[in-house]
Amino acid sequence: QVQLVESGGGTVQAGGSLRLSCAASGRTDSTYTIAWFRQAPGKERDFVAAVDWSGGTKYYSDSLKGRFTITRDNAKNTVYLQMNSLKPEDTAVYYCAADSQIFRAAMISRRYEYAYWGQGTQVAVSS
């Protein structure tokens, strides 16, 4: 079992930046892939970014690449999502997710592949 807690959300003006954190606890000794997803009101939960257990391999939604950066600090059991040049359309609840059974790149962006989820943190970007 892994518990995930997101933090760092808030309200920011368009063009601003936020850094989200996902703190993991519990069975953090396993090789978990950790991902960020987001869900805007009335829309599906979409993939944002993911990082493998070592932090060496990173994946991004094509539409967000270049503005968002995912990093991982295993010493702190924390994954970060740096979000720059934010736009109103980035407004959503951001969730982190983890799973130890993701073995292929094709699985990374599928939300149903992840067994563990945090409660989410709200990000609002005003125009």
Foldseek 3Di string as FASTA:
>chain_A
DKAWAKDWADEEAAQAKTKMKIAIDDPLVAWKKKFKWWDDPPGDIWGAKIATSVQPDIDGDPVQPPFWDWGDDSVRNMIMIIGGRDDQVVWTWMKMFIDRPDDDPVCVTDPVRTDYIYPTDTHGYHD
